[in-house]
Amino acid sequence: SDLLCKEVARFYSFRILKLNEFNP
């Protein structure tokens, strides 16, 4: 599931967000 959904995000240009990246 993780692998497939990540490819969906890349192919259809969904923004990819990470939990541990700081953002104000």
PDBML (XML) file of the C-alpha atoms, coordinates in Angstrom:
<?xml version="1.0" encoding="UTF-8" ?>
<PDBx:datablock datablockName="MODEL"
   xmlns:PDBx="http://pdbml.pdb.org/schema/pdbx-v50.xsd"
   xmlns:xsi="http://www.w3.org/2001/XMLSchema-instance"
   xsi:schemaLocation="http://pdbml.pdb.org/schema/pdbx-v50.xsd pdbx-v50.xsd">
   <PDBx:atom_siteCategory>
      <PDBx:atom_site id="1">
         <PDBx:B_iso_or_equiv>0.00</PDBx:B_iso_or_equiv>
         <PDBx:Cartn_x>0.000</PDBx:Cartn_x>
         <PDBx:Cartn_y>0.000</PDBx:Cartn_y>
         <PDBx:Cartn_z>0.000</PDBx:Cartn_z>
         <PDBx:auth_asym_id>A</PDBx:auth_asym_id>
         <PDBx:auth_atom_id>CA</PDBx:auth_atom_id>
         <PDBx:auth_comp_id>SER</PDBx:auth_comp_id>
         <PDBx:auth_seq_id>1</PDBx:auth_seq_id>
         <PDBx:group_PDB>ATOM</PDBx:group_PDB>
         <PDBx:label_alt_id xsi:nil="true" />
         <PDBx:label_asym_id>A</PDBx:label_asym_id>
         <PDBx:label_atom_id>CA</PDBx:label_atom_id>
         <PDBx:label_comp_id>SER</PDBx:label_comp_id>
         <PDBx:label_entity_id>1</PDBx:label_entity_id>
         <PDBx:label_seq_id>1</PDBx:label_seq_id>
         <PDBx:occupancy>1.00</PDBx:occupancy>
         <PDBx:pdbx_PDB_model_num>1</PDBx:pdbx_PDB_model_num>
         <PDBx:type_symbol>C</PDBx:type_symbol>
      </PDBx:atom_site>
      <PDBx:atom_site id="2">
         <PDBx:B_iso_or_equiv>0.00</PDBx:B_iso_or_equiv>
         <PDBx:Cartn_x>2.715</PDBx:Cartn_x>
         <PDBx:Cartn_y>2.498</PDBx:Cartn_y>
         <PDBx:Cartn_z>0.946</PDBx:Cartn_z>
         <PDBx:auth_asym_id>A</PDBx:auth_asym_id>
         <PDBx:auth_atom_id>CA</PDBx:auth_atom_id>
         <PDBx:auth_comp_id>ASP</PDBx:auth_comp_id>
         <PDBx:auth_seq_id>2</PDBx:auth_seq_id>
         <PDBx:group_PDB>ATOM</PDBx:group_PDB>
         <PDBx:label_alt_id xsi:nil="true" />
         <PDBx:label_asym_id>A</PDBx:label_asym_id>
         <PDBx:label_atom_id>CA</PDBx:label_atom_id>
         <PDBx:label_comp_id>ASP</PDBx:label_comp_id>
         <PDBx:label_entity_id>1</PDBx:label_entity_id>
         <PDBx:label_seq_id>2</PDBx:label_seq_id>
         <PDBx:occupancy>1.00</PDBx:occupancy>
         <PDBx:pdbx_PDB_model_num>1</PDBx:pdbx_PDB_model_num>
         <PDBx:type_symbol>C</PDBx:type_symbol>
      </PDBx:atom_site>
      <PDBx:atom_site id="3">
         <PDBx:B_iso_or_equiv>0.00</PDBx:B_iso_or_equiv>
         <PDBx:Cartn_x>4.722</PDBx:Cartn_x>
         <PDBx:Cartn_y>1.854</PDBx:Cartn_y>
         <PDBx:Cartn_z>-2.191</PDBx:Cartn_z>
         <PDBx:auth_asym_id>A</PDBx:auth_asym_id>
         <PDBx:auth_atom_id>CA</PDBx:auth_atom_id>
         <PDBx:auth_comp_id>LEU</PDBx:auth_comp_id>
         <PDBx:auth_seq_id>3</PDBx:auth_seq_id>
         <PDBx:group_PDB>ATOM</PDBx:group_PDB>
         <PDBx:label_alt_id xsi:nil="true" />
         <PDBx:label_asym_id>A</PDBx:label_asym_id>
         <PDBx:label_atom_id>CA</PDBx:label_atom_id>
         <PDBx:label_comp_id>LEU</PDBx:label_comp_id>
         <PDBx:label_entity_id>1</PDBx:label_entity_id>
         <PDBx:label_seq_id>3</PDBx:label_seq_id>
         <PDBx:occupancy>1.00</PDBx:occupancy>
         <PDBx:pdbx_PDB_model_num>1</PDBx:pdbx_PDB_model_num>
         <PDBx:type_symbol>C</PDBx:type_symbol>
      </PDBx:atom_site>
      <PDBx:atom_site id="4">
         <PDBx:B_iso_or_equiv>0.00</PDBx:B_iso_or_equiv>
         <PDBx:Cartn_x>1.699</PDBx:Cartn_x>
         <PDBx:Cartn_y>2.093</PDBx:Cartn_y>
         <PDBx:Cartn_z>-4.453</PDBx:Cartn_z>
         <PDBx:auth_asym_id>A</PDBx:auth_asym_id>
         <PDBx:auth_atom_id>CA</PDBx:auth_atom_id>
         <PDBx:auth_comp_id>LEU</PDBx:auth_comp_id>
         <PDBx:auth_seq_id>4</PDBx:auth_seq_id>
         <PDBx:group_PDB>ATOM</PDBx:group_PDB>
         <PDBx:label_alt_id xsi:nil="true" />
         <PDBx:label_asym_id>A</PDBx:label_asym_id>
         <PDBx:label_atom_id>CA</PDBx:label_atom_id>
         <PDBx:label_comp_id>LEU</PDBx:label_comp_id>
         <PDBx:label_entity_id>1</PDBx:label_entity_id>
         <PDBx:label_seq_id>4</PDBx:label_seq_id>
         <PDBx:occupancy>1.00</PDBx:occupancy>
         <PDBx:pdbx_PDB_model_num>1</PDBx:pdbx_PDB_model_num>
         <PDBx:type_symbol>C</PDBx:type_symbol>
      </PDBx:atom_site>
      <PDBx:atom_site id="5">
         <PDBx:B_iso_or_equiv>0.00</PDBx:B_iso_or_equiv>
         <PDBx:Cartn_x>0.234</PDBx:Cartn_x>
         <PDBx:Cartn_y>5.249</PDBx:Cartn_y>
         <PDBx:Cartn_z>-2.875</PDBx:Cartn_z>
         <PDBx:auth_asym_id>A</PDBx:auth_asym_id>
         <PDBx:auth_atom_id>CA</PDBx:auth_atom_id>
         <PDBx:auth_comp_id>CYS</PDBx:auth_comp_id>
         <PDBx:auth_seq_id>5</PDBx:auth_seq_id>
         <PDBx:group_PDB>ATOM</PDBx:group_PDB>
         <PDBx:label_alt_id xsi:nil="true" />
         <PDBx:label_asym_id>A</PDBx:label_asym_id>
         <PDBx:label_atom_id>CA</PDBx:label_atom_id>
         <PDBx:label_comp_id>CYS</PDBx:label_comp_id>
         <PDBx:label_entity_id>1</PDBx:label_entity_id>
         <PDBx:label_seq_id>5</PDBx:label_seq_id>
         <PDBx:occupancy>1.00</PDBx:occupancy>
         <PDBx:pdbx_PDB_model_num>1</PDBx:pdbx_PDB_model_num>
         <PDBx:type_symbol>C</PDBx:type_symbol>
      </PDBx:atom_site>
      <PDBx:atom_site id="6">
         <PDBx:B_iso_or_equiv>0.00</PDBx:B_iso_or_equiv>
         <PDBx:Cartn_x>3.599</PDBx:Cartn_x>
         <PDBx:Cartn_y>6.983</PDBx:Cartn_y>
         <PDBx:Cartn_z>-3.037</PDBx:Cartn_z>
         <PDBx:auth_asym_id>A</PDBx:auth_asym_id>
         <PDBx:auth_atom_id>CA</PDBx:auth_atom_id>
         <PDBx:auth_comp_id>LYS</PDBx:auth_comp_id>
         <PDBx:auth_seq_id>6</PDBx:auth_seq_id>
         <PDBx:group_PDB>ATOM</PDBx:group_PDB>
         <PDBx:label_alt_id xsi:nil="true" />
         <PDBx:label_asym_id>A</PDBx:label_asym_id>
         <PDBx:label_atom_id>CA</PDBx:label_atom_id>
         <PDBx:label_comp_id>LYS</PDBx:label_comp_id>
         <PDBx:label_entity_id>1</PDBx:label_entity_id>
         <PDBx:label_seq_id>6</PDBx:label_seq_id>
         <PDBx:occupancy>1.00</PDBx:occupancy>
         <PDBx:pdbx_PDB_model_num>1</PDBx:pdbx_PDB_model_num>
         <PDBx:type_symbol>C</PDBx:type_symbol>
      </PDBx:atom_site>
      <PDBx:atom_site id="7">
         <PDBx:B_iso_or_equiv>0.00</PDBx:B_iso_or_equiv>
         <PDBx:Cartn_x>3.734</PDBx:Cartn_x>
         <PDBx:Cartn_y>6.305</PDBx:Cartn_y>
         <PDBx:Cartn_z>-6.784</PDBx:Cartn_z>
         <PDBx:auth_asym_id>A</PDBx:auth_asym_id>
         <PDBx:auth_atom_id>CA</PDBx:auth_atom_id>
         <PDBx:auth_comp_id>GLU</PDBx:auth_comp_id>
         <PDBx:auth_seq_id>7</PDBx:auth_seq_id>
         <PDBx:group_PDB>ATOM</PDBx:group_PDB>
         <PDBx:label_alt_id xsi:nil="true" />
         <PDBx:label_asym_id>A</PDBx:label_asym_id>
         <PDBx:label_atom_id>CA</PDBx:label_atom_id>
         <PDBx:label_comp_id>GLU</PDBx:label_comp_id>
         <PDBx:label_entity_id>1</PDBx:label_entity_id>
         <PDBx:label_seq_id>7</PDBx:label_seq_id>
         <PDBx:occupancy>1.00</PDBx:occupancy>
         <PDBx:pdbx_PDB_model_num>1</PDBx:pdbx_PDB_model_num>
         <PDBx:type_symbol>C</PDBx:type_symbol>
      </PDBx:atom_site>
      <PDBx:atom_site id="8">
         <PDBx:B_iso_or_equiv>0.00</PDBx:B_iso_or_equiv>
         <PDBx:Cartn_x>0.196</PDBx:Cartn_x>
         <PDBx:Cartn_y>7.662</PDBx:Cartn_y>
         <PDBx:Cartn_z>-7.123</PDBx:Cartn_z>
         <PDBx:auth_asym_id>A</PDBx:auth_asym_id>
         <PDBx:auth_atom_id>CA</PDBx:auth_atom_id>
         <PDBx:auth_comp_id>VAL</PDBx:auth_comp_id>
         <PDBx:auth_seq_id>8</PDBx:auth_seq_id>
         <PDBx:group_PDB>ATOM</PDBx:group_PDB>
         <PDBx:label_alt_id xsi:nil="true" />
         <PDBx:label_asym_id>A</PDBx:label_asym_id>
         <PDBx:label_atom_id>CA</PDBx:label_atom_id>
         <PDBx:label_comp_id>VAL</PDBx:label_comp_id>
         <PDBx:label_entity_id>1</PDBx:label_entity_id>
         <PDBx:label_seq_id>8</PDBx:label_seq_id>
         <PDBx:occupancy>1.00</PDBx:occupancy>
         <PDBx:pdbx_PDB_model_num>1</PDBx:pdbx_PDB_model_num>
         <PDBx:type_symbol>C</PDBx:type_symbol>
      </PDBx:atom_site>
      <PDBx:atom_site id="9">
         <PDBx:B_iso_or_equiv>0.00</PDBx:B_iso_or_equiv>
         <PDBx:Cartn_x>1.356</PDBx:Cartn_x>
         <PDBx:Cartn_y>10.839</PDBx:Cartn_y>
         <PDBx:Cartn_z>-5.382</PDBx:Cartn_z>
         <PDBx:auth_asym_id>A</PDBx:auth_asym_id>
         <PDBx:auth_atom_id>CA</PDBx:auth_atom_id>
         <PDBx:auth_comp_id>ALA</PDBx:auth_comp_id>
         <PDBx:auth_seq_id>9</PDBx:auth_seq_id>
         <PDBx:group_PDB>ATOM</PDBx:group_PDB>
         <PDBx:label_alt_id xsi:nil="true" />
         <PDBx:label_asym_id>A</PDBx:label_asym_id>
         <PDBx:label_atom_id>CA</PDBx:label_atom_id>
         <PDBx:label_comp_id>ALA</PDBx:label_comp_id>
         <PDBx:label_entity_id>1</PDBx:label_entity_id>
         <PDBx:label_seq_id>9</PDBx:label_seq_id>
         <PDBx:occupancy>1.00</PDBx:occupancy>
         <PDBx:pdbx_PDB_model_num>1</PDBx:pdbx_PDB_model_num>
         <PDBx:type_symbol>C</PDBx:type_symbol>
      </PDBx:atom_site>
      <PDBx:atom_site id="10">
         <PDBx:B_iso_or_equiv>0.00</PDBx:B_iso_or_equiv>
         <PDBx:Cartn_x>4.363</PDBx:Cartn_x>
         <PDBx:Cartn_y>11.186</PDBx:Cartn_y>
         <PDBx:Cartn_z>-7.665</PDBx:Cartn_z>
         <PDBx:auth_asym_id>A</PDBx:auth_asym_id>
         <PDBx:auth_atom_id>CA</PDBx:auth_atom_id>
         <PDBx:auth_comp_id>ARG</PDBx:auth_comp_id>
         <PDBx:auth_seq_id>10</PDBx:auth_seq_id>
         <PDBx:group_PDB>ATOM</PDBx:group_PDB>
         <PDBx:label_alt_id xsi:nil="true" />
         <PDBx:label_asym_id>A</PDBx:label_asym_id>
         <PDBx:label_atom_id>CA</PDBx:label_atom_id>
         <PDBx:label_comp_id>ARG</PDBx:label_comp_id>
         <PDBx:label_entity_id>1</PDBx:label_entity_id>
         <PDBx:label_seq_id>10</PDBx:label_seq_id>
         <PDBx:occupancy>1.00</PDBx:occupancy>
         <PDBx:pdbx_PDB_model_num>1</PDBx:pdbx_PDB_model_num>
         <PDBx:type_symbol>C</PDBx:type_symbol>
      </PDBx:atom_site>
      <PDBx:atom_site id="11">
         <PDBx:B_iso_or_equiv>0.00</PDBx:B_iso_or_equiv>
         <PDBx:Cartn_x>2.556</PDBx:Cartn_x>
         <PDBx:Cartn_y>10.363</PDBx:Cartn_y>
         <PDBx:Cartn_z>-10.890</PDBx:Cartn_z>
         <PDBx:auth_asym_id>A</PDBx:auth_asym_id>
         <PDBx:auth_atom_id>CA</PDBx:auth_atom_id>
         <PDBx:auth_comp_id>PHE</PDBx:auth_comp_id>
         <PDBx:auth_seq_id>11</PDBx:auth_seq_id>
         <PDBx:group_PDB>ATOM</PDBx:group_PDB>
         <PDBx:label_alt_id xsi:nil="true" />
         <PDBx:label_asym_id>A</PDBx:label_asym_id>
         <PDBx:label_atom_id>CA</PDBx:label_atom_id>
         <PDBx:label_comp_id>PHE</PDBx:label_comp_id>
         <PDBx:label_entity_id>1</PDBx:label_entity_id>
         <PDBx:label_seq_id>11</PDBx:label_seq_id>
         <PDBx:occupancy>1.00</PDBx:occupancy>
         <PDBx:pdbx_PDB_model_num>1</PDBx:pdbx_PDB_model_num>
         <PDBx:type_symbol>C</PDBx:type_symbol>
      </PDBx:atom_site>
      <PDBx:atom_site id="12">
         <PDBx:B_iso_or_equiv>0.00</PDBx:B_iso_or_equiv>
         <PDBx:Cartn_x>-0.445</PDBx:Cartn_x>
         <PDBx:Cartn_y>12.624</PDBx:Cartn_y>
         <PDBx:Cartn_z>-10.271</PDBx:Cartn_z>
         <PDBx:auth_asym_id>A</PDBx:auth_asym_id>
         <PDBx:auth_atom_id>CA</PDBx:auth_atom_id>
         <PDBx:auth_comp_id>TYR</PDBx:auth_comp_id>
         <PDBx:auth_seq_id>12</PDBx:auth_seq_id>
         <PDBx:group_PDB>ATOM</PDBx:group_PDB>
         <PDBx:label_alt_id xsi:nil="true" />
         <PDBx:label_asym_id>A</PDBx:label_asym_id>
         <PDBx:label_atom_id>CA</PDBx:label_atom_id>
         <PDBx:label_comp_id>TYR</PDBx:label_comp_id>
         <PDBx:label_entity_id>1</PDBx:label_entity_id>
         <PDBx:label_seq_id>12</PDBx:label_seq_id>
         <PDBx:occupancy>1.00</PDBx:occupancy>
         <PDBx:pdbx_PDB_model_num>1</PDBx:pdbx_PDB_model_num>
         <PDBx:type_symbol>C</PDBx:type_symbol>
      </PDBx:atom_site>
      <PDBx:atom_site id="13">
         <PDBx:B_iso_or_equiv>0.00</PDBx:B_iso_or_equiv>
         <PDBx:Cartn_x>1.681</PDBx:Cartn_x>
         <PDBx:Cartn_y>15.385</PDBx:Cartn_y>
         <PDBx:Cartn_z>-8.662</PDBx:Cartn_z>
         <PDBx:auth_asym_id>A</PDBx:auth_asym_id>
         <PDBx:auth_atom_id>CA</PDBx:auth_atom_id>
         <PDBx:auth_comp_id>SER</PDBx:auth_comp_id>
         <PDBx:auth_seq_id>13</PDBx:auth_seq_id>
         <PDBx:group_PDB>ATOM</PDBx:group_PDB>
         <PDBx:label_alt_id xsi:nil="true" />
         <PDBx:label_asym_id>A</PDBx:label_asym_id>
         <PDBx:label_atom_id>CA</PDBx:label_atom_id>
         <PDBx:label_comp_id>SER</PDBx:label_comp_id>
         <PDBx:label_entity_id>1</PDBx:label_entity_id>
         <PDBx:label_seq_id>13</PDBx:label_seq_id>
         <PDBx:occupancy>1.00</PDBx:occupancy>
         <PDBx:pdbx_PDB_model_num>1</PDBx:pdbx_PDB_model_num>
         <PDBx:type_symbol>C</PDBx:type_symbol>
      </PDBx:atom_site>
      <PDBx:atom_site id="14">
         <PDBx:B_iso_or_equiv>0.00</PDBx:B_iso_or_equiv>
         <PDBx:Cartn_x>0.232</PDBx:Cartn_x>
         <PDBx:Cartn_y>15.231</PDBx:Cartn_y>
         <PDBx:Cartn_z>-5.161</PDBx:Cartn_z>
         <PDBx:auth_asym_id>A</PDBx:auth_asym_id>
         <PDBx:auth_atom_id>CA</PDBx:auth_atom_id>
         <PDBx:auth_comp_id>PHE</PDBx:auth_comp_id>
         <PDBx:auth_seq_id>14</PDBx:auth_seq_id>
         <PDBx:group_PDB>ATOM</PDBx:group_PDB>
         <PDBx:label_alt_id xsi:nil="true" />
         <PDBx:label_asym_id>A</PDBx:label_asym_id>
         <PDBx:label_atom_id>CA</PDBx:label_atom_id>
         <PDBx:label_comp_id>PHE</PDBx:label_comp_id>
         <PDBx:label_entity_id>1</PDBx:label_entity_id>
         <PDBx:label_seq_id>14</PDBx:label_seq_id>
         <PDBx:occupancy>1.00</PDBx:occupancy>
         <PDBx:pdbx_PDB_model_num>1</PDBx:pdbx_PDB_model_num>
         <PDBx:type_symbol>C</PDBx:type_symbol>
      </PDBx:atom_site>
      <PDBx:atom_site id="15">
         <PDBx:B_iso_or_equiv>0.00</PDBx:B_iso_or_equiv>
         <PDBx:Cartn_x>2.292</PDBx:Cartn_x>
         <PDBx:Cartn_y>17.262</PDBx:Cartn_y>
         <PDBx:Cartn_z>-2.723</PDBx:Cartn_z>
         <PDBx:auth_asym_id>A</PDBx:auth_asym_id>
         <PDBx:auth_atom_id>CA</PDBx:auth_atom_id>
         <PDBx:auth_comp_id>ARG</PDBx:auth_comp_id>
         <PDBx:auth_seq_id>15</PDBx:auth_seq_id>
         <PDBx:group_PDB>ATOM</PDBx:group_PDB>
         <PDBx:label_alt_id xsi:nil="true" />
         <PDBx:label_asym_id>A</PDBx:label_asym_id>
         <PDBx:label_atom_id>CA</PDBx:label_atom_id>
         <PDBx:label_comp_id>ARG</PDBx:label_comp_id>
         <PDBx:label_entity_id>1</PDBx:label_entity_id>
         <PDBx:label_seq_id>15</PDBx:label_seq_id>
         <PDBx:occupancy>1.00</PDBx:occupancy>
         <PDBx:pdbx_PDB_model_num>1</PDBx:pdbx_PDB_model_num>
         <PDBx:type_symbol>C</PDBx:type_symbol>
      </PDBx:atom_site>
      <PDBx:atom_site id="16">
         <PDBx:B_iso_or_equiv>0.00</PDBx:B_iso_or_equiv>
         <PDBx:Cartn_x>4.333</PDBx:Cartn_x>
         <PDBx:Cartn_y>14.971</PDBx:Cartn_y>
         <PDBx:Cartn_z>-0.422</PDBx:Cartn_z>
         <PDBx:auth_asym_id>A</PDBx:auth_asym_id>
         <PDBx:auth_atom_id>CA</PDBx:auth_atom_id>
         <PDBx:auth_comp_id>ILE</PDBx:auth_comp_id>
         <PDBx:auth_seq_id>16</PDBx:auth_seq_id>
         <PDBx:group_PDB>ATOM</PDBx:group_PDB>
         <PDBx:label_alt_id xsi:nil="true" />
         <PDBx:label_asym_id>A</PDBx:label_asym_id>
         <PDBx:label_atom_id>CA</PDBx:label_atom_id>
         <PDBx:label_comp_id>ILE</PDBx:label_comp_id>
         <PDBx:label_entity_id>1</PDBx:label_entity_id>
         <PDBx:label_seq_id>16</PDBx:label_seq_id>
         <PDBx:occupancy>1.00</PDBx:occupancy>
         <PDBx:pdbx_PDB_model_num>1</PDBx:pdbx_PDB_model_num>
         <PDBx:type_symbol>C</PDBx:type_symbol>
      </PDBx:atom_site>
      <PDBx:atom_site id="17">
         <PDBx:B_iso_or_equiv>0.00</PDBx:B_iso_or_equiv>
         <PDBx:Cartn_x>4.537</PDBx:Cartn_x>
         <PDBx:Cartn_y>16.078</PDBx:Cartn_y>
         <PDBx:Cartn_z>3.226</PDBx:Cartn_z>
         <PDBx:auth_asym_id>A</PDBx:auth_asym_id>
         <PDBx:auth_atom_id>CA</PDBx:auth_atom_id>
         <PDBx:auth_comp_id>LEU</PDBx:auth_comp_id>
         <PDBx:auth_seq_id>17</PDBx:auth_seq_id>
         <PDBx:group_PDB>ATOM</PDBx:group_PDB>
         <PDBx:label_alt_id xsi:nil="true" />
         <PDBx:label_asym_id>A</PDBx:label_asym_id>
         <PDBx:label_atom_id>CA</PDBx:label_atom_id>
         <PDBx:label_comp_id>LEU</PDBx:label_comp_id>
         <PDBx:label_entity_id>1</PDBx:label_entity_id>
         <PDBx:label_seq_id>17</PDBx:label_seq_id>
         <PDBx:occupancy>1.00</PDBx:occupancy>
         <PDBx:pdbx_PDB_model_num>1</PDBx:pdbx_PDB_model_num>
         <PDBx:type_symbol>C</PDBx:type_symbol>
      </PDBx:atom_site>
      <PDBx:atom_site id="18">
         <PDBx:B_iso_or_equiv>0.00</PDBx:B_iso_or_equiv>
         <PDBx:Cartn_x>6.663</PDBx:Cartn_x>
         <PDBx:Cartn_y>14.636</PDBx:Cartn_y>
         <PDBx:Cartn_z>6.024</PDBx:Cartn_z>
         <PDBx:auth_asym_id>A</PDBx:auth_asym_id>
         <PDBx:auth_atom_id>CA</PDBx:auth_atom_id>
         <PDBx:auth_comp_id>LYS</PDBx:auth_comp_id>
         <PDBx:auth_seq_id>18</PDBx:auth_seq_id>
         <PDBx:group_PDB>ATOM</PDBx:group_PDB>
         <PDBx:label_alt_id xsi:nil="true" />
         <PDBx:label_asym_id>A</PDBx:label_asym_id>
         <PDBx:label_atom_id>CA</PDBx:label_atom_id>
         <PDBx:label_comp_id>LYS</PDBx:label_comp_id>
         <PDBx:label_entity_id>1</PDBx:label_entity_id>
         <PDBx:label_seq_id>18</PDBx:label_seq_id>
         <PDBx:occupancy>1.00</PDBx:occupancy>
         <PDBx:pdbx_PDB_model_num>1</PDBx:pdbx_PDB_model_num>
         <PDBx:type_symbol>C</PDBx:type_symbol>
      </PDBx:atom_site>
      <PDBx:atom_site id="19">
         <PDBx:B_iso_or_equiv>0.00</PDBx:B_iso_or_equiv>
         <PDBx:Cartn_x>5.794</PDBx:Cartn_x>
         <PDBx:Cartn_y>14.587</PDBx:Cartn_y>
         <PDBx:Cartn_z>9.699</PDBx:Cartn_z>
         <PDBx:auth_asym_id>A</PDBx:auth_asym_id>
         <PDBx:auth_atom_id>CA</PDBx:auth_atom_id>
         <PDBx:auth_comp_id>LEU</PDBx:auth_comp_id>
         <PDBx:auth_seq_id>19</PDBx:auth_seq_id>
         <PDBx:group_PDB>ATOM</PDBx:group_PDB>
         <PDBx:label_alt_id xsi:nil="true" />
         <PDBx:label_asym_id>A</PDBx:label_asym_id>
         <PDBx:label_atom_id>CA</PDBx:label_atom_id>
         <PDBx:label_comp_id>LEU</PDBx:label_comp_id>
         <PDBx:label_entity_id>1</PDBx:label_entity_id>
         <PDBx:label_seq_id>19</PDBx:label_seq_id>
         <PDBx:occupancy>1.00</PDBx:occupancy>
         <PDBx:pdbx_PDB_model_num>1</PDBx:pdbx_PDB_model_num>
         <PDBx:type_symbol>C</PDBx:type_symbol>
      </PDBx:atom_site>
      <PDBx:atom_site id="20">
         <PDBx:B_iso_or_equiv>0.00</PDBx:B_iso_or_equiv>
         <PDBx:Cartn_x>9.233</PDBx:Cartn_x>
         <PDBx:Cartn_y>15.494</PDBx:Cartn_y>
         <PDBx:Cartn_z>11.051</PDBx:Cartn_z>
         <PDBx:auth_asym_id>A</PDBx:auth_asym_id>
         <PDBx:auth_atom_id>CA</PDBx:auth_atom_id>
         <PDBx:auth_comp_id>ASN</PDBx:auth_comp_id>
         <PDBx:auth_seq_id>20</PDBx:auth_seq_id>
         <PDBx:group_PDB>ATOM</PDBx:group_PDB>
         <PDBx:label_alt_id xsi:nil="true" />
         <PDBx:label_asym_id>A</PDBx:label_asym_id>
         <PDBx:label_atom_id>CA</PDBx:label_atom_id>
         <PDBx:label_comp_id>ASN</PDBx:label_comp_id>
         <PDBx:label_entity_id>1</PDBx:label_entity_id>
         <PDBx:label_seq_id>20</PDBx:label_seq_id>
         <PDBx:occupancy>1.00</PDBx:occupancy>
         <PDBx:pdbx_PDB_model_num>1</PDBx:pdbx_PDB_model_num>
         <PDBx:type_symbol>C</PDBx:type_symbol>
      </PDBx:atom_site>
      <PDBx:atom_site id="21">
         <PDBx:B_iso_or_equiv>0.00</PDBx:B_iso_or_equiv>
         <PDBx:Cartn_x>10.029</PDBx:Cartn_x>
         <PDBx:Cartn_y>18.403</PDBx:Cartn_y>
         <PDBx:Cartn_z>8.730</PDBx:Cartn_z>
         <PDBx:auth_asym_id>A</PDBx:auth_asym_id>
         <PDBx:auth_atom_id>CA</PDBx:auth_atom_id>
         <PDBx:auth_comp_id>GLU</PDBx:auth_comp_id>
         <PDBx:auth_seq_id>21</PDBx:auth_seq_id>
         <PDBx:group_PDB>ATOM</PDBx:group_PDB>
         <PDBx:label_alt_id xsi:nil="true" />
         <PDBx:label_asym_id>A</PDBx:label_asym_id>
         <PDBx:label_atom_id>CA</PDBx:label_atom_id>
         <PDBx:label_comp_id>GLU</PDBx:label_comp_id>
         <PDBx:label_entity_id>1</PDBx:label_entity_id>
         <PDBx:label_seq_id>21</PDBx:label_seq_id>
         <PDBx:occupancy>1.00</PDBx:occupancy>
         <PDBx:pdbx_PDB_model_num>1</PDBx:pdbx_PDB_model_num>
         <PDBx:type_symbol>C</PDBx:type_symbol>
      </PDBx:atom_site>
      <PDBx:atom_site id="22">
         <PDBx:B_iso_or_equiv>0.00</PDBx:B_iso_or_equiv>
         <PDBx:Cartn_x>9.698</PDBx:Cartn_x>
         <PDBx:Cartn_y>21.712</PDBx:Cartn_y>
         <PDBx:Cartn_z>10.597</PDBx:Cartn_z>
         <PDBx:auth_asym_id>A</PDBx:auth_asym_id>
         <PDBx:auth_atom_id>CA</PDBx:auth_atom_id>
         <PDBx:auth_comp_id>PHE</PDBx:auth_comp_id>
         <PDBx:auth_seq_id>22</PDBx:auth_seq_id>
         <PDBx:group_PDB>ATOM</PDBx:group_PDB>
         <PDBx:label_alt_id xsi:nil="true" />
         <PDBx:label_asym_id>A</PDBx:label_asym_id>
         <PDBx:label_atom_id>CA</PDBx:label_atom_id>
         <PDBx:label_comp_id>PHE</PDBx:label_comp_id>
         <PDBx:label_entity_id>1</PDBx:label_entity_id>
         <PDBx:label_seq_id>22</PDBx:label_seq_id>
         <PDBx:occupancy>1.00</PDBx:occupancy>
         <PDBx:pdbx_PDB_model_num>1</PDBx:pdbx_PDB_model_num>
         <PDBx:type_symbol>C</PDBx:type_symbol>
      </PDBx:atom_site>
      <PDBx:atom_site id="23">
         <PDBx:B_iso_or_equiv>0.00</PDBx:B_iso_or_equiv>
         <PDBx:Cartn_x>7.235</PDBx:Cartn_x>
         <PDBx:Cartn_y>24.221</PDBx:Cartn_y>
         <PDBx:Cartn_z>9.199</PDBx:Cartn_z>
         <PDBx:auth_asym_id>A</PDBx:auth_asym_id>
         <PDBx:auth_atom_id>CA</PDBx:auth_atom_id>
         <PDBx:auth_comp_id>ASN</PDBx:auth_comp_id>
         <PDBx:auth_seq_id>23</PDBx:auth_seq_id>
         <PDBx:group_PDB>ATOM</PDBx:group_PDB>
         <PDBx:label_alt_id xsi:nil="true" />
         <PDBx:label_asym_id>A</PDBx:label_asym_id>
         <PDBx:label_atom_id>CA</PDBx:label_atom_id>
         <PDBx:label_comp_id>ASN</PDBx:label_comp_id>
         <PDBx:label_entity_id>1</PDBx:label_entity_id>
         <PDBx:label_seq_id>23</PDBx:label_seq_id>
         <PDBx:occupancy>1.00</PDBx:occupancy>
         <PDBx:pdbx_PDB_model_num>1</PDBx:pdbx_PDB_model_num>
         <PDBx:type_symbol>C</PDBx:type_symbol>
      </PDBx:atom_site>
      <PDBx:atom_site id="24">
         <PDBx:B_iso_or_equiv>0.00</PDBx:B_iso_or_equiv>
         <PDBx:Cartn_x>5.995</PDBx:Cartn_x>
         <PDBx:Cartn_y>27.298</PDBx:Cartn_y>
         <PDBx:Cartn_z>11.105</PDBx:Cartn_z>
         <PDBx:auth_asym_id>A</PDBx:auth_asym_id>
         <PDBx:auth_atom_id>CA</PDBx:auth_atom_id>
         <PDBx:auth_comp_id>PRO</PDBx:auth_comp_id>
         <PDBx:auth_seq_id>24</PDBx:auth_seq_id>
         <PDBx:group_PDB>ATOM</PDBx:group_PDB>
         <PDBx:label_alt_id xsi:nil="true" />
         <PDBx:label_asym_id>A</PDBx:label_asym_id>
         <PDBx:label_atom_id>CA</PDBx:label_atom_id>
         <PDBx:label_comp_id>PRO</PDBx:label_comp_id>
         <PDBx:label_entity_id>1</PDBx:label_entity_id>
         <PDBx:label_seq_id>24</PDBx:label_seq_id>
         <PDBx:occupancy>1.00</PDBx:occupancy>
         <PDBx:pdbx_PDB_model_num>1</PDBx:pdbx_PDB_model_num>
         <PDBx:type_symbol>C</PDBx:type_symbol>
      </PDBx:atom_site>
   </PDBx:atom_siteCategory>
</PDBx:datablock>
